[in-house]
C-alpha atoms as a PDB file:
ATOM      1  CA  MET A   1       0.213  -0.094  -0.198  1.00  0.00           C
ATOM      2  CA  LYS A   2       2.832   2.663   1.027  1.00  0.00           C
ATOM      3  CA  LYS A   3       4.930   1.356  -2.086  1.00  0.00           C
ATOM      4  CA  THR A   4       1.390   2.315  -4.556  1.00  0.00           C
ATOM      5  CA  LYS A   5       1.427   5.531  -2.569  1.00  0.00           C
ATOM      6  CA  LEU A   6       4.608   6.578  -3.289  1.00  0.00           C
ATOM      7  CA  LEU A   7       4.426   5.335  -6.993  1.00  0.00           C
ATOM      8  CA  LEU A   8       1.192   7.461  -6.990  1.00  0.00           C
ATOM      9  CA  GLY A   9       3.353  10.461  -5.449  1.00  0.00           C
ATOM     10  CA  ILE A  10       5.890  10.453  -7.963  1.00  0.00           C
ATOM     11  CA  LEU A  11       3.577  10.084 -10.806  1.00  0.00           C
ATOM     12  CA  VAL A  12       1.769  13.371  -9.423  1.00  0.00           C
ATOM     13  CA  LEU A  13       5.187  15.194  -8.961  1.00  0.00           C
ATOM     14  CA  LEU A  14       6.010  14.023 -12.665  1.00  0.00           C
ATOM     15  CA  ILE A  15       2.839  15.243 -14.279  1.00  0.00           C
ATOM     16  CA  SER A  16       3.210  18.584 -12.252  1.00  0.00           C
ATOM     17  CA  LEU A  17       6.679  19.327 -13.350  1.00  0.00           C
ATOM     18  CA  THR A  18       5.798  18.359 -17.301  1.00  0.00           C
ATOM     19  CA  LEU A  19       2.754  21.001 -17.016  1.00  0.00           C
ATOM     20  CA  PHE A  20       5.028  23.392 -15.370  1.00  0.00           C
ATOM     21  CA  VAL A  21       7.798  22.936 -17.910  1.00  0.00           C
ATOM     22  CA  GLY A  22       5.067  22.658 -20.669  1.00  0.00           C
ATOM     23  CA  CYS A  23       3.811  26.207 -19.519  1.00  0.00           C
ATOM     24  CA  THR A  24       6.911  27.610 -19.131  1.00  0.00           C
ATOM     25  CA  ASN A  25       8.388  26.608 -22.805  1.00  0.00           C
ATOM     26  CA  ASN A  26       4.685  28.157 -24.368  1.00  0.00           C
ATOM     27  CA  THR A  27       5.118  31.271 -22.531  1.00  0.00           C
ATOM     28  CA  LYS A  28       8.684  31.477 -24.339  1.00  0.00           C
ATOM     29  CA  LYS A  29       7.472  30.591 -27.608  1.00  0.00           C
ATOM     30  CA  GLU A  30       4.880  33.345 -27.445  1.00  0.00           C
ATOM     31  CA  PRO A  31       5.395  35.960 -30.389  1.00  0.00           C
ATOM     32  CA  LEU A  32       7.672  39.172 -29.321  1.00  0.00           C
ATOM     33  CA  VAL A  33       5.764  42.273 -29.419  1.00  0.00           C
ATOM     34  CA  MET A  34       6.656  45.057 -31.157  1.00  0.00           C
ATOM     35  CA  GLY A  35       5.328  48.558 -31.188  1.00  0.00           C
ATOM     36  CA  GLU A  36       5.120  50.625 -34.409  1.00  0.00           C
ATOM     37  CA  PRO A  37       3.441  54.023 -35.135  1.00  0.00           C
ATOM     38  CA  ASN A  38       3.162  54.554 -38.853  1.00  0.00           C
ATOM     39  CA  TRP A  39       6.400  56.514 -39.561  1.00  0.00           C
ATOM     40  CA  PRO A  40       8.383  55.475 -42.445  1.00  0.00           C
ATOM     41  CA  GLY A  41      11.775  55.219 -39.886  1.00  0.00           C
ATOM     42  CA  ILE A  42      10.098  53.256 -37.601  1.00  0.00           C
ATOM     43  CA  LEU A  43       8.501  50.942 -39.881  1.00  0.00           C
ATOM     44  CA  ALA A  44      12.034  50.768 -41.838  1.00  0.00           C
ATOM     45  CA  LYS A  45      13.684  49.784 -38.354  1.00  0.00           C
ATOM     46  CA  ASN A  46      10.902  46.949 -37.377  1.00  0.00           C
ATOM     47  CA  ALA A  47      11.274  45.613 -40.891  1.00  0.00           C
ATOM     48  CA  VAL A  48      15.077  45.143 -40.495  1.00  0.00           C
ATOM     49  CA  ALA A  49      15.122  44.163 -36.943  1.00  0.00           C
ATOM     50  CA  THR A  50      12.051  41.702 -37.253  1.00  0.00           C
ATOM     51  CA  HIS A  51      13.650  40.105 -40.808  1.00  0.00           C
ATOM     52  CA  ILE A  52      17.098  39.200 -38.676  1.00  0.00           C
ATOM     53  CA  LEU A  53      15.393  37.915 -35.625  1.00  0.00           C
ATOM     54  CA  SER A  54      12.882  35.702 -37.363  1.00  0.00           C
ATOM     55  CA  ASN A  55      15.768  34.276 -39.258  1.00  0.00           C
ATOM     56  CA  ILE A  56      17.427  33.369 -36.194  1.00  0.00           C
ATOM     57  CA  GLY A  57      14.303  31.557 -34.564  1.00  0.00           C
ATOM     58  CA  TYR A  58      12.600  34.331 -32.404  1.00  0.00           C
ATOM     59  CA  GLU A  59       9.238  35.056 -33.726  1.00  0.00           C
ATOM     60  CA  VAL A  60       8.394  38.885 -33.752  1.00  0.00           C
ATOM     61  CA  ASP A  61       4.684  40.466 -33.842  1.00  0.00           C
ATOM     62  CA  ARG A  62       4.877  44.187 -35.076  1.00  0.00           C
ATOM     63  CA  LYS A  63       1.527  45.888 -33.611  1.00  0.00           C
ATOM     64  CA  GLN A  64       0.518  49.332 -35.406  1.00  0.00           C
ATOM     65  CA  LEU A  65      -0.462  51.248 -32.491  1.00  0.00           C
ATOM     66  CA  THR A  66      -0.038  55.170 -31.370  1.00  0.00           C
ATOM     67  CA  ASP A  67       3.216  56.585 -29.865  1.00  0.00           C
ATOM     68  CA  PRO A  68       1.336  57.339 -26.861  1.00  0.00           C
ATOM     69  CA  VAL A  69      -0.387  53.787 -26.641  1.00  0.00           C
ATOM     70  CA  ILE A  70       3.139  51.859 -27.278  1.00  0.00           C
ATOM     71  CA  HIS A  71       5.026  53.463 -23.958  1.00  0.00           C
ATOM     72  CA  GLN A  72       1.823  52.500 -21.874  1.00  0.00           C
ATOM     73  CA  GLY A  73       1.850  49.358 -23.403  1.00  0.00           C
ATOM     74  CA  LEU A  74       5.591  48.992 -21.971  1.00  0.00           C
ATOM     75  CA  ALA A  75       4.852  50.045 -19.289  1.00  0.00           C
ATOM     76  CA  ASP A  76       2.176  47.502 -18.461  1.00  0.00           C
ATOM     77  CA  ALA A  77       4.426  44.396 -20.106  1.00  0.00           C
ATOM     78  CA  GLU A  78       1.863  44.331 -23.145  1.00  0.00           C
ATOM     79  CA  VAL A  79       4.346  45.544 -25.570  1.00  0.00           C
ATOM     80  CA  ASP A  80       7.893  43.905 -25.374  1.00  0.00           C
ATOM     81  CA  ILE A  81       9.888  46.624 -27.685  1.00  0.00           C
ATOM     82  CA  TYR A  82      10.035  49.748 -29.267  1.00  0.00           C
ATOM     83  CA  LEU A  83      13.003  50.859 -31.333  1.00  0.00           C
ATOM     84  CA  GLY A  84      11.056  54.363 -31.802  1.00  0.00           C
ATOM     85  CA  SER A  85      11.162  56.357 -28.535  1.00  0.00           C
ATOM     86  CA  TRP A  86      11.721  60.217 -29.734  1.00  0.00           C
ATOM     87  CA  MET A  87      13.331  62.471 -26.912  1.00  0.00           C
ATOM     88  CA  PRO A  88      12.703  64.971 -25.872  1.00  0.00           C
ATOM     89  CA  SER A  89       9.316  64.781 -27.576  1.00  0.00           C
ATOM     90  CA  ILE A  90       8.096  62.290 -25.408  1.00  0.00           C
ATOM     91  CA  LYS A  91       9.834  63.255 -22.143  1.00  0.00           C
ATOM     92  CA  GLU A  92       7.372  64.027 -20.252  1.00  0.00           C
ATOM     93  CA  LEU A  93       5.213  60.460 -20.781  1.00  0.00           C
ATOM     94  CA  ARG A  94       8.075  58.375 -20.025  1.00  0.00           C
ATOM     95  CA  GLN A  95       8.527  60.656 -16.487  1.00  0.00           C
ATOM     96  CA  GLU A  96       4.934  60.080 -15.726  1.00  0.00           C
ATOM     97  CA  LEU A  97       4.958  56.052 -16.677  1.00  0.00           C
ATOM     98  CA  GLY A  98       8.254  55.940 -14.261  1.00  0.00           C
ATOM     99  CA  GLU A  99      11.653  54.903 -15.515  1.00  0.00           C
ATOM    100  CA  ASN A 100      11.213  51.666 -13.123  1.00  0.00           C
ATOM    101  CA  ASN A 101       8.744  50.623 -15.314  1.00  0.00           C
ATOM    102  CA  ILE A 102      10.387  50.462 -19.028  1.00  0.00           C
ATOM    103  CA  ASP A 103      14.199  49.576 -19.757  1.00  0.00           C
ATOM    104  CA  LEU A 104      15.964  51.630 -21.728  1.00  0.00           C
ATOM    105  CA  VAL A 105      18.392  49.842 -23.593  1.00  0.00           C
ATOM    106  CA  THR A 106      19.948  52.151 -25.994  1.00  0.00           C
ATOM    107  CA  THR A 107      19.769  55.379 -28.188  1.00  0.00           C
ATOM    108  CA  ASN A 108      19.677  54.245 -31.652  1.00  0.00           C
ATOM    109  CA  MET A 109      19.817  57.514 -33.334  1.00  0.00           C
ATOM    110  CA  ASN A 110      21.362  60.542 -31.371  1.00  0.00           C
ATOM    111  CA  ASP A 111      21.593  63.258 -34.250  1.00  0.00           C
ATOM    112  CA  GLY A 112      17.754  64.223 -35.135  1.00  0.00           C
ATOM    113  CA  LEU A 113      16.102  67.295 -35.596  1.00  0.00           C
ATOM    114  CA  TYR A 114      12.733  68.510 -34.772  1.00  0.00           C
ATOM    115  CA  THR A 115      10.627  71.944 -34.924  1.00  0.00           C
ATOM    116  CA  MET A 116       8.720  73.940 -36.865  1.00  0.00           C
ATOM    117  CA  ALA A 117       9.910  74.957 -40.383  1.00  0.00           C
ATOM    118  CA  VAL A 118       8.846  76.555 -43.485  1.00  0.00           C
ATOM    119  CA  PRO A 119       9.820  75.955 -47.276  1.00  0.00           C
ATOM    120  CA  GLU A 120      12.870  77.588 -48.424  1.00  0.00           C
ATOM    121  CA  TYR A 121      11.234  80.015 -50.248  1.00  0.00           C
ATOM    122  CA  LEU A 122       9.334  81.637 -47.182  1.00  0.00           C
ATOM    123  CA  TRP A 123      12.858  81.683 -45.627  1.00  0.00           C
ATOM    124  CA  GLU A 124      14.189  83.847 -48.532  1.00  0.00           C
ATOM    125  CA  GLN A 125      10.887  85.939 -48.054  1.00  0.00           C
ATOM    126  CA  GLY A 126      12.144  86.635 -44.550  1.00  0.00           C
ATOM    127  CA  VAL A 127      10.459  83.689 -42.297  1.00  0.00           C
ATOM    128  CA  ARG A 128      13.482  82.497 -40.695  1.00  0.00           C
ATOM    129  CA  THR A 129      12.482  82.306 -36.521  1.00  0.00           C
ATOM    130  CA  TYR A 130       9.386  82.436 -34.639  1.00  0.00           C
ATOM    131  CA  SER A 131       9.402  86.207 -33.950  1.00  0.00           C
ATOM    132  CA  ASP A 132       8.905  86.181 -38.061  1.00  0.00           C
ATOM    133  CA  LEU A 133       5.586  84.209 -37.941  1.00  0.00           C
ATOM    134  CA  ASN A 134       2.954  86.806 -37.295  1.00  0.00           C
ATOM    135  CA  LYS A 135       4.445  88.945 -39.272  1.00  0.00           C
ATOM    136  CA  TYR A 136       3.116  87.285 -42.160  1.00  0.00           C
ATOM    137  CA  ALA A 137       0.210  85.925 -40.170  1.00  0.00           C
ATOM    138  CA  ASP A 138      -2.582  86.892 -43.055  1.00  0.00           C
ATOM    139  CA  LYS A 139      -0.537  84.830 -45.502  1.00  0.00           C
ATOM    140  CA  PHE A 140      -0.269  81.786 -42.937  1.00  0.00           C
ATOM    141  CA  ASP A 141      -4.277  82.109 -42.615  1.00  0.00           C
ATOM    142  CA  TYR A 142      -3.094  82.053 -38.664  1.00  0.00           C
ATOM    143  CA  LYS A 143      -2.697  78.499 -39.304  1.00  0.00           C
ATOM    144  CA  MET A 144       0.548  75.803 -38.273  1.00  0.00           C
ATOM    145  CA  TYR A 145       0.611  72.043 -38.995  1.00  0.00           C
ATOM    146  CA  VAL A 146       1.718  70.473 -36.150  1.00  0.00           C
ATOM    147  CA  GLY A 147       1.258  66.945 -36.903  1.00  0.00           C
ATOM    148  CA  GLU A 148      -0.436  64.093 -34.688  1.00  0.00           C
ATOM    149  CA  ALA A 149      -2.771  65.148 -31.705  1.00  0.00           C
ATOM    150  CA  GLY A 150      -0.084  63.998 -28.597  1.00  0.00           C
ATOM    151  CA  TRP A 151       2.470  64.770 -30.614  1.00  0.00           C
ATOM    152  CA  GLU A 152       5.255  67.570 -28.576  1.00  0.00           C
ATOM    153  CA  ALA A 153       4.730  70.071 -31.599  1.00  0.00           C
ATOM    154  CA  SER A 154       1.239  69.773 -30.711  1.00  0.00           C
ATOM    155  CA  GLU A 155       1.400  70.561 -27.344  1.00  0.00           C
ATOM    156  CA  ILE A 156       4.245  72.995 -27.630  1.00  0.00           C
ATOM    157  CA  MET A 157       2.572  75.148 -30.072  1.00  0.00           C
ATOM    158  CA  ASN A 158      -0.713  75.413 -28.155  1.00  0.00           C
ATOM    159  CA  HIS A 159       0.715  76.617 -25.242  1.00  0.00           C
ATOM    160  CA  ALA A 160       2.256  79.237 -27.291  1.00  0.00           C
ATOM    161  CA  ILE A 161      -0.799  80.294 -28.571  1.00  0.00           C
ATOM    162  CA  ASP A 162      -2.443  80.374 -25.330  1.00  0.00           C
ATOM    163  CA  GLU A 163       0.564  82.338 -23.416  1.00  0.00           C
ATOM    164  CA  ASN A 164       0.188  84.310 -26.790  1.00  0.00           C
ATOM    165  CA  ILE A 165       4.347  83.732 -27.230  1.00  0.00           C
ATOM    166  CA  TYR A 166       6.038  85.224 -30.216  1.00  0.00           C
ATOM    167  CA  ASN A 167       2.477  87.183 -30.335  1.00  0.00           C
ATOM    168  CA  LEU A 168       0.736  83.919 -31.605  1.00  0.00           C
ATOM    169  CA  GLY A 169      -2.216  84.048 -29.124  1.00  0.00           C
ATOM    170  CA  LYS A 170      -5.033  84.215 -32.545  1.00  0.00           C
ATOM    171  CA  TRP A 171      -3.099  81.583 -34.773  1.00  0.00           C
ATOM    172  CA  LYS A 172      -4.815  77.995 -34.695  1.00  0.00           C
ATOM    173  CA  ALA A 173      -2.552  74.849 -34.055  1.00  0.00           C
ATOM    174  CA  ILE A 174      -3.936  72.142 -36.766  1.00  0.00           C
ATOM    175  CA  THR A 175      -3.748  68.424 -36.360  1.00  0.00           C
ATOM    176  CA  SER A 176      -3.877  65.664 -38.815  1.00  0.00           C
ATOM    177  CA  THR A 177      -2.168  62.247 -39.054  1.00  0.00           C
ATOM    178  CA  GLN A 178       1.425  61.893 -40.446  1.00  0.00           C
ATOM    179  CA  SER A 179       0.821  60.756 -43.955  1.00  0.00           C
ATOM    180  CA  ALA A 180      -1.713  63.879 -44.169  1.00  0.00           C
ATOM    181  CA  LEU A 181       0.697  66.213 -42.933  1.00  0.00           C
ATOM    182  CA  MET A 182       2.994  65.062 -46.005  1.00  0.00           C
ATOM    183  CA  ALA A 183       0.537  65.614 -48.440  1.00  0.00           C
ATOM    184  CA  GLN A 184      -0.727  69.062 -47.428  1.00  0.00           C
ATOM    185  CA  MET A 185       3.216  70.212 -47.459  1.00  0.00           C
ATOM    186  CA  LYS A 186       3.693  68.601 -50.885  1.00  0.00           C
ATOM    187  CA  LYS A 187       0.666  70.487 -52.358  1.00  0.00           C
ATOM    188  CA  ALA A 188       1.347  73.485 -50.514  1.00  0.00           C
ATOM    189  CA  ILE A 189       5.457  73.309 -51.725  1.00  0.00           C
ATOM    190  CA  ASN A 190       4.480  72.418 -55.324  1.00  0.00           C
ATOM    191  CA  ASN A 191       1.744  75.519 -55.266  1.00  0.00           C
ATOM    192  CA  GLU A 192       4.720  77.815 -53.431  1.00  0.00           C
ATOM    193  CA  GLU A 193       1.775  78.517 -50.841  1.00  0.00           C
ATOM    194  CA  TRP A 194       2.411  79.695 -47.518  1.00  0.00           C
ATOM    195  CA  MET A 195       2.572  77.220 -44.841  1.00  0.00           C
ATOM    196  CA  VAL A 196       4.731  76.348 -41.535  1.00  0.00           C
ATOM    197  CA  PHE A 197       4.782  72.928 -40.191  1.00  0.00           C
ATOM    198  CA  ILE A 198       6.643  70.751 -37.783  1.00  0.00           C
ATOM    199  CA  ALA A 199       9.907  68.723 -39.521  1.00  0.00           C
ATOM    200  CA  TRP A 200      12.418  66.795 -38.310  1.00  0.00           C
ATOM    201  CA  LYS A 201      15.347  64.592 -39.284  1.00  0.00           C
ATOM    202  CA  PRO A 202      15.905  62.302 -40.330  1.00  0.00           C
ATOM    203  CA  HIS A 203      13.415  61.947 -42.869  1.00  0.00           C
ATOM    204  CA  TRP A 204      12.819  62.081 -46.688  1.00  0.00           C
ATOM    205  CA  MET A 205      11.137  65.184 -46.555  1.00  0.00           C
ATOM    206  CA  ASN A 206      14.665  67.064 -45.994  1.00  0.00           C
ATOM    207  CA  TYR A 207      15.630  65.289 -49.513  1.00  0.00           C
ATOM    208  CA  VAL A 208      12.556  65.934 -51.389  1.00  0.00           C
ATOM    209  CA  PHE A 209      11.741  69.159 -50.259  1.00  0.00           C
ATOM    210  CA  ASP A 210      13.672  72.492 -49.589  1.00  0.00           C
ATOM    211  CA  ILE A 211      13.008  73.320 -46.206  1.00  0.00           C
ATOM    212  CA  LYS A 212      14.567  75.662 -43.339  1.00  0.00           C
ATOM    213  CA  TYR A 213      14.113  75.165 -39.365  1.00  0.00           C
ATOM    214  CA  LEU A 214      12.897  78.119 -37.596  1.00  0.00           C
ATOM    215  CA  GLU A 215      15.256  79.326 -34.950  1.00  0.00           C
ATOM    216  CA  ASP A 216      14.004  79.779 -31.651  1.00  0.00           C
ATOM    217  CA  PRO A 217      15.348  83.238 -29.637  1.00  0.00           C
ATOM    218  CA  GLU A 218      12.876  82.709 -26.882  1.00  0.00           C
ATOM    219  CA  GLN A 219      13.767  78.982 -26.625  1.00  0.00           C
ATOM    220  CA  LEU A 220       9.957  77.689 -26.705  1.00  0.00           C
ATOM    221  CA  TRP A 221      11.544  74.444 -27.568  1.00  0.00           C
ATOM    222  CA  GLU A 222      13.210  73.065 -24.887  1.00  0.00           C
ATOM    223  CA  SER A 223      15.466  71.720 -27.541  1.00  0.00           C
ATOM    224  CA  ALA A 224      15.340  71.490 -31.395  1.00  0.00           C
ATOM    225  CA  GLU A 225      17.586  68.627 -30.956  1.00  0.00           C
ATOM    226  CA  SER A 226      16.403  65.104 -30.620  1.00  0.00           C
ATOM    227  CA  TRP A 227      17.128  61.183 -30.682  1.00  0.00           C
ATOM    228  CA  VAL A 228      15.676  58.259 -30.533  1.00  0.00           C
ATOM    229  CA  ASP A 229      15.944  55.576 -27.633  1.00  0.00           C
ATOM    230  CA  THR A 230      15.545  51.869 -27.738  1.00  0.00           C
ATOM    231  CA  LEU A 231      12.969  50.699 -24.965  1.00  0.00           C
ATOM    232  CA  ALA A 232      12.002  47.223 -24.030  1.00  0.00           C
ATOM    233  CA  ARG A 233       9.602  46.146 -20.667  1.00  0.00           C
ATOM    234  CA  LYS A 234      10.868  45.232 -17.756  1.00  0.00           C
ATOM    235  CA  GLY A 235      12.319  41.528 -17.942  1.00  0.00           C
ATOM    236  CA  LEU A 236      12.827  40.988 -21.439  1.00  0.00           C
ATOM    237  CA  LYS A 237      16.564  41.198 -20.396  1.00  0.00           C
ATOM    238  CA  GLU A 238      16.264  38.355 -18.748  1.00  0.00           C
ATOM    239  CA  ASP A 239      13.334  36.320 -20.849  1.00  0.00           C
ATOM    240  CA  TYR A 240      15.502  37.366 -23.783  1.00  0.00           C
ATOM    241  CA  PRO A 241      18.954  37.787 -23.197  1.00  0.00           C
ATOM    242  CA  GLN A 242      19.950  37.273 -26.752  1.00  0.00           C
ATOM    243  CA  VAL A 243      17.486  39.496 -28.389  1.00  0.00           C
ATOM    244  CA  TYR A 244      18.221  42.251 -25.686  1.00  0.00           C
ATOM    245  CA  LYS A 245      21.745  41.945 -26.424  1.00  0.00           C
ATOM    246  CA  PHE A 246      20.984  42.394 -30.516  1.00  0.00           C
ATOM    247  CA  LEU A 247      18.870  45.489 -29.383  1.00  0.00           C
ATOM    248  CA  GLU A 248      21.424  47.054 -27.533  1.00  0.00           C
ATOM    249  CA  GLN A 249      23.860  46.660 -30.837  1.00  0.00           C
ATOM    250  CA  PHE A 250      21.504  47.469 -33.357  1.00  0.00           C
ATOM    251  CA  ILE A 251      22.124  51.033 -33.861  1.00  0.00           C
ATOM    252  CA  PRO A 252      21.591  52.235 -37.879  1.00  0.00           C
ATOM    253  CA  ASP A 253      23.125  55.280 -38.706  1.00  0.00           C
ATOM    254  CA  ALA A 254      21.761  58.492 -39.918  1.00  0.00           C
ATOM    255  CA  GLU A 255      23.036  57.893 -43.260  1.00  0.00           C
ATOM    256  CA  LEU A 256      21.667  54.353 -43.299  1.00  0.00           C
ATOM    257  CA  SER A 257      18.385  55.625 -41.433  1.00  0.00           C
ATOM    258  CA  ASN A 258      17.303  58.006 -44.297  1.00  0.00           C
ATOM    259  CA  GLU A 259      18.160  55.230 -46.826  1.00  0.00           C
ATOM    260  CA  TRP A 260      15.512  53.113 -45.683  1.00  0.00           C
ATOM    261  CA  ILE A 261      12.970  56.443 -45.098  1.00  0.00           C
ATOM    262  CA  TYR A 262      13.296  57.527 -48.666  1.00  0.00           C
ATOM    263  CA  GLU A 263      12.581  54.037 -49.795  1.00  0.00           C
ATOM    264  CA  ILE A 264       9.864  53.525 -47.536  1.00  0.00           C
ATOM    265  CA  GLY A 265       7.967  56.493 -47.095  1.00  0.00           C
ATOM    266  CA  TYR A 266       8.880  58.343 -50.790  1.00  0.00           C
ATOM    267  CA  GLN A 267       9.261  55.449 -52.961  1.00  0.00           C
ATOM    268  CA  GLU A 268       6.555  53.641 -51.236  1.00  0.00           C
ATOM    269  CA  LYS A 269       8.599  50.639 -51.127  1.00  0.00           C
ATOM    270  CA  ASP A 270       7.310  47.500 -48.753  1.00  0.00           C
ATOM    271  CA  PRO A 271       9.160  47.700 -45.485  1.00  0.00           C
ATOM    272  CA  ASP A 272       9.853  44.063 -45.550  1.00  0.00           C
ATOM    273  CA  ASP A 273      10.995  43.787 -49.347  1.00  0.00           C
ATOM    274  CA  VAL A 274      13.337  46.463 -48.439  1.00  0.00           C
ATOM    275  CA  ALA A 275      14.601  44.777 -45.240  1.00  0.00           C
ATOM    276  CA  ARG A 276      15.321  41.449 -46.971  1.00  0.00           C
ATOM    277  CA  LYS A 277      17.284  43.303 -50.101  1.00  0.00           C
ATOM    278  CA  TRP A 278      19.080  45.260 -47.585  1.00  0.00           C
ATOM    279  CA  VAL A 279      19.970  42.289 -45.194  1.00  0.00           C
ATOM    280  CA  ALA A 280      21.226  40.165 -48.306  1.00  0.00           C
ATOM    281  CA  GLU A 281      23.591  43.072 -49.471  1.00  0.00           C
ATOM    282  CA  ASN A 282      25.045  44.363 -45.978  1.00  0.00           C
ATOM    283  CA  MET A 283      25.667  40.790 -43.845  1.00  0.00           C
ATOM    284  CA  ASP A 284      28.820  42.794 -42.934  1.00  0.00           C
ATOM    285  CA  ILE A 285      27.014  45.384 -41.191  1.00  0.00           C
ATOM    286  CA  VAL A 286      24.407  42.858 -39.724  1.00  0.00           C
ATOM    287  CA  ALA A 287      27.428  41.020 -38.314  1.00  0.00           C
ATOM    288  CA  GLU A 288      28.478  43.976 -35.972  1.00  0.00           C
ATOM    289  CA  TRP A 289      24.982  44.055 -34.870  1.00  0.00           C
ATOM    290  CA  LEU A 290      25.214  39.863 -34.004  1.00  0.00           C
ATOM    291  CA  ALA A 291      28.371  40.154 -32.634  1.00  0.00           C
ATOM    292  CA  GLY A 292      28.064  37.899 -29.607  1.00  0.00           C
ATOM    293  CA  VAL A 293      24.352  36.864 -30.160  1.00  0.00           C
ATOM    294  CA  LYS A 294      23.115  33.363 -29.854  1.00  0.00           C
ATOM    295  CA  SER A 295      20.161  31.914 -31.970  1.00  0.00           C
ATOM    296  CA  ALA A 296      16.989  30.756 -30.403  1.00  0.00           C
ATOM    297  CA  ASP A 297      18.620  27.572 -30.604  1.00  0.00           C
ATOM    298  CA  GLY A 298      22.307  28.413 -29.155  1.00  0.00           C
ATOM    299  CA  LYS A 299      24.027  28.812 -32.352  1.00  0.00           C
ATOM    300  CA  LYS A 300      26.324  31.361 -33.488  1.00  0.00           C
ATOM    301  CA  ALA A 301      23.614  34.034 -34.865  1.00  0.00           C
ATOM    302  CA  ILE A 302      25.012  35.587 -38.140  1.00  0.00           C
ATOM    303  CA  ASP A 303      25.613  32.062 -39.114  1.00  0.00           C
ATOM    304  CA  VAL A 304      22.182  30.833 -38.824  1.00  0.00           C
ATOM    305  CA  LEU A 305      21.126  33.984 -40.456  1.00  0.00           C
ATOM    306  CA  ARG A 306      22.998  33.419 -43.402  1.00  0.00           C
ATOM    307  CA  LYS A 307      22.086  29.857 -43.906  1.00  0.00           C
ATOM    308  CA  ASN A 308      18.521  30.648 -43.418  1.00  0.00           C
ATOM    309  CA  ILE A 309      18.432  33.517 -46.005  1.00  0.00           C
ATOM    310  CA  ASN A 310      20.661  31.984 -48.256  1.00  0.00           C
ATOM    311  CA  LYS A 311      18.061  28.749 -48.680  1.00  0.00           C
END
């Protein structure tokens, strides 16, 4: 009888361990959730990172969400990775969410610019600083185009209107999607119309359009200079150490980012097609990003990647 009870106990223990291991393995096999706003720069980075990770054994699920929702998702552990946290634009939200709730992995771009701009033909007519805007208010129809609601540009320029900074009290800040903003810019510039808009680098707009960034003598903006951080949910480093190591090393330079943004944002090429072609033709750069990284099955990641993309 005692022997039977002992055997039953061992059997129950083995079943429990099997279920536990099974649950653990299932958790590990869940796709990595990568936040993705509809911006050419992040579409490009996400596509390249996904192509690399998926070919070394990690499944990735790119979720199209707004920037604030992605940051909240990181804090709530519903989003694993975000390659597009623009600073200092999103600084306030990140502070609200708390540094202890989100991991700063690395800065993947540090030479950006983000402030209001005008077409070069308006710069040549005298619109060179924020102080010049109200001199030509009638021509601008008292409108400034600030991108999506919730963007730093929207908040800062609405603050300027509320406080009548630069005599902008009678102006209106027009919000829209990024794609709508680009379409409005294209129309205005092609017709040499009067328009002031939020602009940033890197982005294809700087190569397709001749634009000038406004000077800010009263320092309405904390800083026009910007950078982009890679963020991860807390615990990703422990759950996926090899993925985390790759993210630490995944730092495309500005020239490379501009190339991707131009192809995806302006030429309207499919991000995944751009990523596949670029990775296949630039394995030397990819090898640097994968230095010391192991695939999901513990092999040298760069060797696994080469094998899989050459099938």
